[in-house]
């Protein structure tokens, strides 16, 4: 039974989610398409999950982009573990999800159309032979077949949710490497956000409150990337959003994915039910902190506390 993934609690929201997730008829149906898939969920769930780097497959005709198989199993090809966590969260929360099928090396759906890293020729030391001599015709083909359909699908799911009378929060699930350029990354999880802390703030508070995690606030990356997926579909539409990054060694296998799906399910359900609905829209400048927000502990302070 999907809801065995987490205990959603006794509040009204959780009871409704538990009931609705078990119903046979979902408002948004599961769909399989060439470049993306949609996981079924309720249009009025108040949440849409995204997984921009879900898979490491490549379409027919592209082979392996000239890479040996082991390179396609690395983080350069996809976000390891993110798809499993996203599927488990969608099932447990009864929320729809939109996930990519193909590797980010083909084209990265979490970049703006004019971003120079949209199609990588070199990624973390690996030359991508199939991208080295990319011309405008091939770029336009990949945009048309593998980038734009994913983004149209996200817009369509959001439109269905808005039509239900409930504006959805967008939550994107990613993963990051445990080290970068030989430097260890201490964080277990990070929450990325742009200017709007309505979802990111409560998520950070809840993750800090877990007591056994080192949590990154806009770490290991910044969420302030104009043109990325959440910028296109949340920032530009005035919707609440955040991106969660989980360290890859924690979700590399099914057991780790289940543990983190359970943890995130509990946290996200609580945030949506008790915190998010009570907050007015808040937009924060680059270095400002929203009123009433406690000072975030530094990484050093979190490490002293212990993982």
Protein backbone atom coordinates (compact mmCIF):
# COMPACT_ATOMS: atom_id res chain seq x y z
CA UNK A 1 0.00 0.00 0.00
CA UNK A 2 1.68 3.30 -1.06
CA UNK A 3 1.06 5.11 2.21
CA UNK A 4 3.21 2.65 4.14
CA UNK A 5 6.13 4.82 3.02
CA UNK A 6 5.46 7.34 5.72
CA UNK A 7 3.20 8.27 8.56
CA UNK A 8 1.36 11.35 7.39
CA UNK A 9 0.08 12.19 10.89
CA UNK A 10 -3.36 12.95 12.29
CA UNK A 11 -4.06 16.42 10.98
CA UNK A 12 -6.87 17.12 8.54
CA UNK A 13 -4.57 17.53 5.56
CA UNK A 14 -2.86 14.22 6.21
CA UNK A 15 -6.12 12.35 6.62
CA UNK A 16 -7.39 13.80 3.35
CA UNK A 17 -4.18 12.90 1.56
CA UNK A 18 -4.26 9.37 2.92
CA UNK A 19 -7.85 8.90 1.80
CA UNK A 20 -7.36 10.49 -1.60
CA UNK A 21 -4.15 8.64 -2.40
CA UNK A 22 -5.95 5.34 -1.94
CA UNK A 23 -8.81 6.23 -4.26
CA UNK A 24 -8.77 4.49 -7.62
CA UNK A 25 -9.62 7.54 -9.69
CA UNK A 26 -6.89 10.14 -9.91
CA UNK A 27 -7.55 13.58 -11.39
CA UNK A 28 -4.28 13.55 -13.32
CA UNK A 29 -3.63 10.26 -15.05
CA UNK A 30 -0.33 8.52 -15.53
CA UNK A 31 1.08 9.10 -19.00
CA UNK A 32 4.12 7.73 -20.82
CA UNK A 33 5.70 9.75 -23.58
CA UNK A 34 8.95 9.49 -25.45
CA UNK A 35 10.85 12.17 -23.56
CA UNK A 36 8.97 12.29 -20.24
CA UNK A 37 6.42 10.56 -18.07
CA UNK A 38 3.67 11.80 -15.76
CA UNK A 39 2.90 10.02 -12.51
CA UNK A 40 -0.74 10.03 -11.48
CA UNK A 41 -1.97 12.23 -8.65
CA UNK A 42 -4.75 14.51 -7.54
CA UNK A 43 -5.06 17.88 -9.21
CA UNK A 44 -6.06 19.41 -5.86
CA UNK A 45 -3.22 17.82 -3.88
CA UNK A 46 -1.52 21.22 -3.58
CA UNK A 47 1.75 19.83 -4.87
CA UNK A 48 3.46 18.95 -8.16
CA UNK A 49 6.73 17.01 -8.02
CA UNK A 50 9.40 17.40 -10.70
CA UNK A 51 12.45 15.31 -11.51
CA UNK A 52 14.50 17.02 -14.20
CA UNK A 53 17.38 14.52 -14.26
CA UNK A 54 15.53 11.26 -13.65
CA UNK A 55 17.12 8.94 -16.21
CA UNK A 56 20.36 8.18 -18.02
CA UNK A 57 18.90 6.64 -21.18
CA UNK A 58 19.42 8.03 -24.66
CA UNK A 59 17.00 7.93 -27.61
CA UNK A 60 17.52 5.58 -30.57
CA UNK A 61 20.12 6.89 -32.96
CA UNK A 62 22.29 8.53 -30.32
CA UNK A 63 24.03 5.42 -29.06
CA UNK A 64 25.95 6.43 -25.95
CA UNK A 65 26.97 9.85 -27.34
CA UNK A 66 30.34 8.20 -27.84
CA UNK A 67 30.85 7.59 -24.12
CA UNK A 68 31.80 4.28 -22.50
CA UNK A 69 28.94 2.74 -20.47
CA UNK A 70 30.48 3.56 -17.11
CA UNK A 71 30.30 7.29 -17.85
CA UNK A 72 26.54 7.05 -18.31
CA UNK A 73 26.31 5.60 -14.81
CA UNK A 74 27.96 8.69 -13.33
CA UNK A 75 26.33 11.85 -12.02
CA UNK A 76 27.16 13.63 -15.27
CA UNK A 77 24.38 11.65 -16.97
CA UNK A 78 21.60 11.88 -14.37
CA UNK A 79 20.81 12.53 -10.71
CA UNK A 80 21.45 9.18 -9.05
CA UNK A 81 18.57 8.09 -6.81
CA UNK A 82 16.34 11.09 -7.54
CA UNK A 83 13.83 9.17 -9.66
CA UNK A 84 13.23 6.54 -6.97
CA UNK A 85 12.67 9.19 -4.31
CA UNK A 86 10.31 11.12 -6.58
CA UNK A 87 8.22 8.04 -7.42
CA UNK A 88 7.91 7.11 -3.76
CA UNK A 89 6.93 10.64 -2.74
CA UNK A 90 4.32 10.91 -5.49
CA UNK A 91 2.75 7.60 -4.47
CA UNK A 92 2.72 8.43 -0.76
CA UNK A 93 1.41 11.98 -1.10
CA UNK A 94 -1.05 11.34 -3.92
CA UNK A 95 0.62 14.15 -5.87
CA UNK A 96 1.30 14.22 -9.62
CA UNK A 97 4.89 14.20 -10.83
CA UNK A 98 6.57 14.98 -14.14
CA UNK A 99 9.86 13.19 -14.84
CA UNK A 100 12.30 13.20 -17.73
CA UNK A 101 13.33 9.99 -19.52
CA UNK A 102 16.61 10.88 -21.18
CA UNK A 103 20.02 11.85 -19.93
CA UNK A 104 20.86 15.46 -19.18
CA UNK A 105 23.83 14.95 -21.54
CA UNK A 106 21.40 14.90 -24.46
CA UNK A 107 19.90 18.23 -23.36
CA UNK A 108 19.44 19.58 -19.84
CA UNK A 109 15.80 20.48 -19.08
CA UNK A 110 16.91 22.36 -15.96
CA UNK A 111 18.59 25.07 -18.00
CA UNK A 112 17.25 28.01 -19.93
CA UNK A 113 17.09 27.72 -23.70
CA UNK A 114 19.98 30.17 -24.07
CA UNK A 115 22.14 28.74 -21.28
CA UNK A 116 25.62 27.74 -22.54
CA UNK A 117 25.43 24.56 -20.41
CA UNK A 118 22.18 23.43 -22.03
CA UNK A 119 24.11 20.79 -24.02
CA UNK A 120 27.43 19.95 -22.43
CA UNK A 121 30.54 19.23 -24.48
CA UNK A 122 32.66 18.63 -21.37
CA UNK A 123 31.27 17.50 -18.03
CA UNK A 124 33.38 16.89 -14.91
CA UNK A 125 36.41 15.85 -16.92
CA UNK A 126 34.56 13.76 -19.49
CA UNK A 127 34.48 14.90 -23.11
CA UNK A 128 31.11 14.14 -24.71
CA UNK A 129 31.98 13.08 -28.29
CA UNK A 130 28.39 13.19 -29.50
CA UNK A 131 28.10 16.85 -28.48
CA UNK A 132 31.45 18.16 -29.65
CA UNK A 133 30.37 19.26 -33.12
CA UNK A 134 26.78 20.16 -32.42
CA UNK A 135 25.25 22.40 -35.09
CA UNK A 136 22.14 24.58 -34.95
CA UNK A 137 20.00 21.98 -36.72
CA UNK A 138 20.81 19.27 -34.19
CA UNK A 139 20.37 21.67 -31.28
CA UNK A 140 16.93 22.69 -32.58
CA UNK A 141 15.99 19.04 -33.03
CA UNK A 142 16.87 18.21 -29.43
CA UNK A 143 14.96 21.27 -28.22
CA UNK A 144 11.89 20.25 -30.21
CA UNK A 145 11.87 16.57 -29.31
CA UNK A 146 13.39 16.31 -25.84
CA UNK A 147 13.25 19.71 -24.11
CA UNK A 148 10.06 21.49 -25.07
CA UNK A 149 7.71 18.48 -24.58
CA UNK A 150 8.82 18.14 -20.95
CA UNK A 151 8.18 21.80 -20.25
CA UNK A 152 4.82 21.75 -22.01
CA UNK A 153 3.85 18.75 -19.87
CA UNK A 154 4.74 20.63 -16.67
CA UNK A 155 2.63 23.60 -17.76
CA UNK A 156 -0.27 21.31 -18.60
CA UNK A 157 -0.16 19.61 -15.18
CA UNK A 158 0.03 22.99 -13.44
CA UNK A 159 -2.95 24.22 -15.48
CA UNK A 160 -4.96 21.16 -14.42
CA UNK A 161 -4.10 21.84 -10.78
CA UNK A 162 -5.07 25.50 -11.06
CA UNK A 163 -8.36 24.50 -12.69
CA UNK A 164 -9.15 22.44 -9.57
CA UNK A 165 -9.07 25.64 -7.53
CA UNK A 166 -5.87 24.76 -5.68
CA UNK A 167 -2.64 26.48 -6.69
CA UNK A 168 0.13 23.87 -6.45
CA UNK A 169 3.52 24.19 -4.85
CA UNK A 170 6.31 22.91 -7.07
CA UNK A 171 8.95 20.70 -5.49
CA UNK A 172 11.87 19.53 -7.61
CA UNK A 173 13.91 16.51 -6.51
CA UNK A 174 17.63 16.30 -7.32
CA UNK A 175 20.78 14.68 -5.97
CA UNK A 176 24.40 15.81 -5.66
CA UNK A 177 27.78 14.13 -5.44
CA UNK A 178 29.41 13.52 -2.08
CA UNK A 179 32.54 15.36 -3.23
CA UNK A 180 33.42 17.92 -5.91
CA UNK A 181 36.91 18.53 -7.26
CA UNK A 182 38.26 16.31 -4.47
CA UNK A 183 36.58 18.37 -1.76
CA UNK A 184 34.06 16.49 0.43
CA UNK A 185 30.59 17.97 0.69
CA UNK A 186 29.37 17.83 4.29
CA UNK A 187 25.68 18.36 3.66
CA UNK A 188 23.27 15.44 3.73
CA UNK A 189 20.56 17.50 2.06
CA UNK A 190 20.12 20.99 0.70
CA UNK A 191 17.16 23.23 -0.08
CA UNK A 192 17.54 25.57 -3.04
CA UNK A 193 15.40 28.63 -3.58
CA UNK A 194 15.38 31.87 -5.55
CA UNK A 195 13.56 34.86 -4.01
CA UNK A 196 10.48 33.24 -2.50
CA UNK A 197 10.95 31.42 0.83
CA UNK A 198 7.33 30.36 1.36
CA UNK A 199 8.23 26.70 0.82
CA UNK A 200 12.01 26.73 1.26
CA UNK A 201 11.91 28.36 4.70
CA UNK A 202 9.60 25.79 6.34
CA UNK A 203 11.46 22.93 4.64
CA UNK A 204 14.76 24.19 6.01
CA UNK A 205 13.28 24.63 9.49
CA UNK A 206 11.91 21.09 9.42
CA UNK A 207 15.14 19.54 8.18
CA UNK A 208 17.18 21.37 10.82
CA UNK A 209 14.73 20.14 13.45
CA UNK A 210 15.48 16.53 12.50
CA UNK A 211 18.65 16.87 14.57
CA UNK A 212 20.75 14.32 12.67
CA UNK A 213 21.34 16.18 9.41
CA UNK A 214 23.77 18.74 8.03
CA UNK A 215 21.50 20.92 5.92
CA UNK A 216 22.48 23.33 3.16
CA UNK A 217 20.58 26.59 2.65
CA UNK A 218 21.15 27.20 -1.07
CA UNK A 219 23.96 24.65 -0.84
CA UNK A 220 25.65 22.88 -2.54
CA UNK A 221 24.25 25.10 -5.30
CA UNK A 222 22.33 28.34 -5.47
CA UNK A 223 18.69 28.24 -6.50
CA UNK A 224 19.05 31.63 -8.15
CA UNK A 225 19.44 30.44 -11.73
CA UNK A 226 17.39 32.43 -14.19
CA UNK A 227 15.90 30.20 -16.86
CA UNK A 228 16.00 26.94 -14.90
CA UNK A 229 12.95 24.72 -14.56
CA UNK A 230 11.52 26.28 -11.41
CA UNK A 231 12.20 29.77 -12.74
CA UNK A 232 10.18 28.97 -15.85
CA UNK A 233 7.26 27.27 -14.13
CA UNK A 234 7.11 28.73 -10.63
CA UNK A 235 8.87 32.10 -10.48
CA UNK A 236 7.36 33.32 -13.75
CA UNK A 237 3.89 32.13 -12.71
CA UNK A 238 4.01 33.34 -9.11
CA UNK A 239 3.84 29.83 -7.69
CA UNK A 240 5.48 28.56 -4.51
CA UNK A 241 8.50 26.35 -5.16
CA UNK A 242 11.69 24.83 -3.81
CA UNK A 243 14.31 22.32 -4.90
CA UNK A 244 15.58 19.54 -2.64
CA UNK A 245 19.06 18.10 -3.20
CA UNK A 246 19.94 14.81 -1.45
CA UNK A 247 23.52 13.57 -1.36
CA UNK A 248 23.90 10.65 -3.76
CA UNK A 249 25.60 8.19 -1.44
CA UNK A 250 22.49 8.33 0.78
CA UNK A 251 20.08 7.35 -2.01
CA UNK A 252 22.24 5.25 -4.30
CA UNK A 253 20.21 2.08 -3.64
CA UNK A 254 16.54 1.26 -3.12
CA UNK A 255 16.89 1.05 0.66
CA UNK A 256 18.34 4.56 0.90
CA UNK A 257 15.70 5.93 -1.44
CA UNK A 258 12.94 4.44 0.73
CA UNK A 259 14.44 5.95 3.89
CA UNK A 260 14.68 9.41 2.37
CA UNK A 261 11.26 9.19 0.73
CA UNK A 262 9.76 8.40 4.13
CA UNK A 263 11.59 11.28 5.78
CA UNK A 264 10.72 13.80 3.07
CA UNK A 265 7.15 12.59 2.87
CA UNK A 266 6.63 13.27 6.57
CA UNK A 267 8.26 16.69 6.33
CA UNK A 268 6.55 17.82 3.12
CA UNK A 269 3.10 16.71 4.35
CA UNK A 270 3.57 18.62 7.59
CA UNK A 271 4.83 21.74 5.81
CA UNK A 272 1.93 21.80 3.37
CA UNK A 273 -0.65 21.23 6.10
CA UNK A 274 0.52 23.40 8.97
CA UNK A 275 2.96 25.99 7.73
CA UNK A 276 2.57 26.88 4.08
CA UNK A 277 -1.14 27.67 4.24
CA UNK A 278 -0.54 30.16 7.05
CA UNK A 279 2.15 32.21 5.31
CA UNK A 280 1.69 35.26 3.17
CA UNK A 281 3.79 35.55 0.03
CA UNK A 282 7.29 36.64 1.01
CA UNK A 283 9.99 37.65 -1.44
CA UNK A 284 13.46 38.04 0.02
CA UNK A 285 16.30 40.12 -1.42
CA UNK A 286 19.68 38.52 -1.98
CA UNK A 287 20.99 38.84 1.58
CA UNK A 288 17.80 39.65 3.51
CA UNK A 289 16.16 37.26 5.96
CA UNK A 290 12.40 37.08 6.32
CA UNK A 291 10.99 38.57 9.50
CA UNK A 292 10.89 36.19 12.41
CA UNK A 293 13.27 33.68 10.85
CA UNK A 294 15.89 32.39 13.29
CA UNK A 295 19.52 32.63 12.30
CA UNK A 296 20.52 29.52 10.34
CA UNK A 297 23.26 27.42 11.95
CA UNK A 298 26.50 27.33 10.03
CA UNK A 299 27.89 24.10 8.59
CA UNK A 300 30.49 24.10 11.35
CA UNK A 301 27.81 24.41 14.03
CA UNK A 302 25.82 21.58 12.47
CA UNK A 303 28.90 19.36 12.28
CA UNK A 304 29.70 20.03 15.94
CA UNK A 305 26.18 18.93 16.76
CA UNK A 306 26.84 15.70 14.90
CA UNK A 307 25.14 14.03 11.92
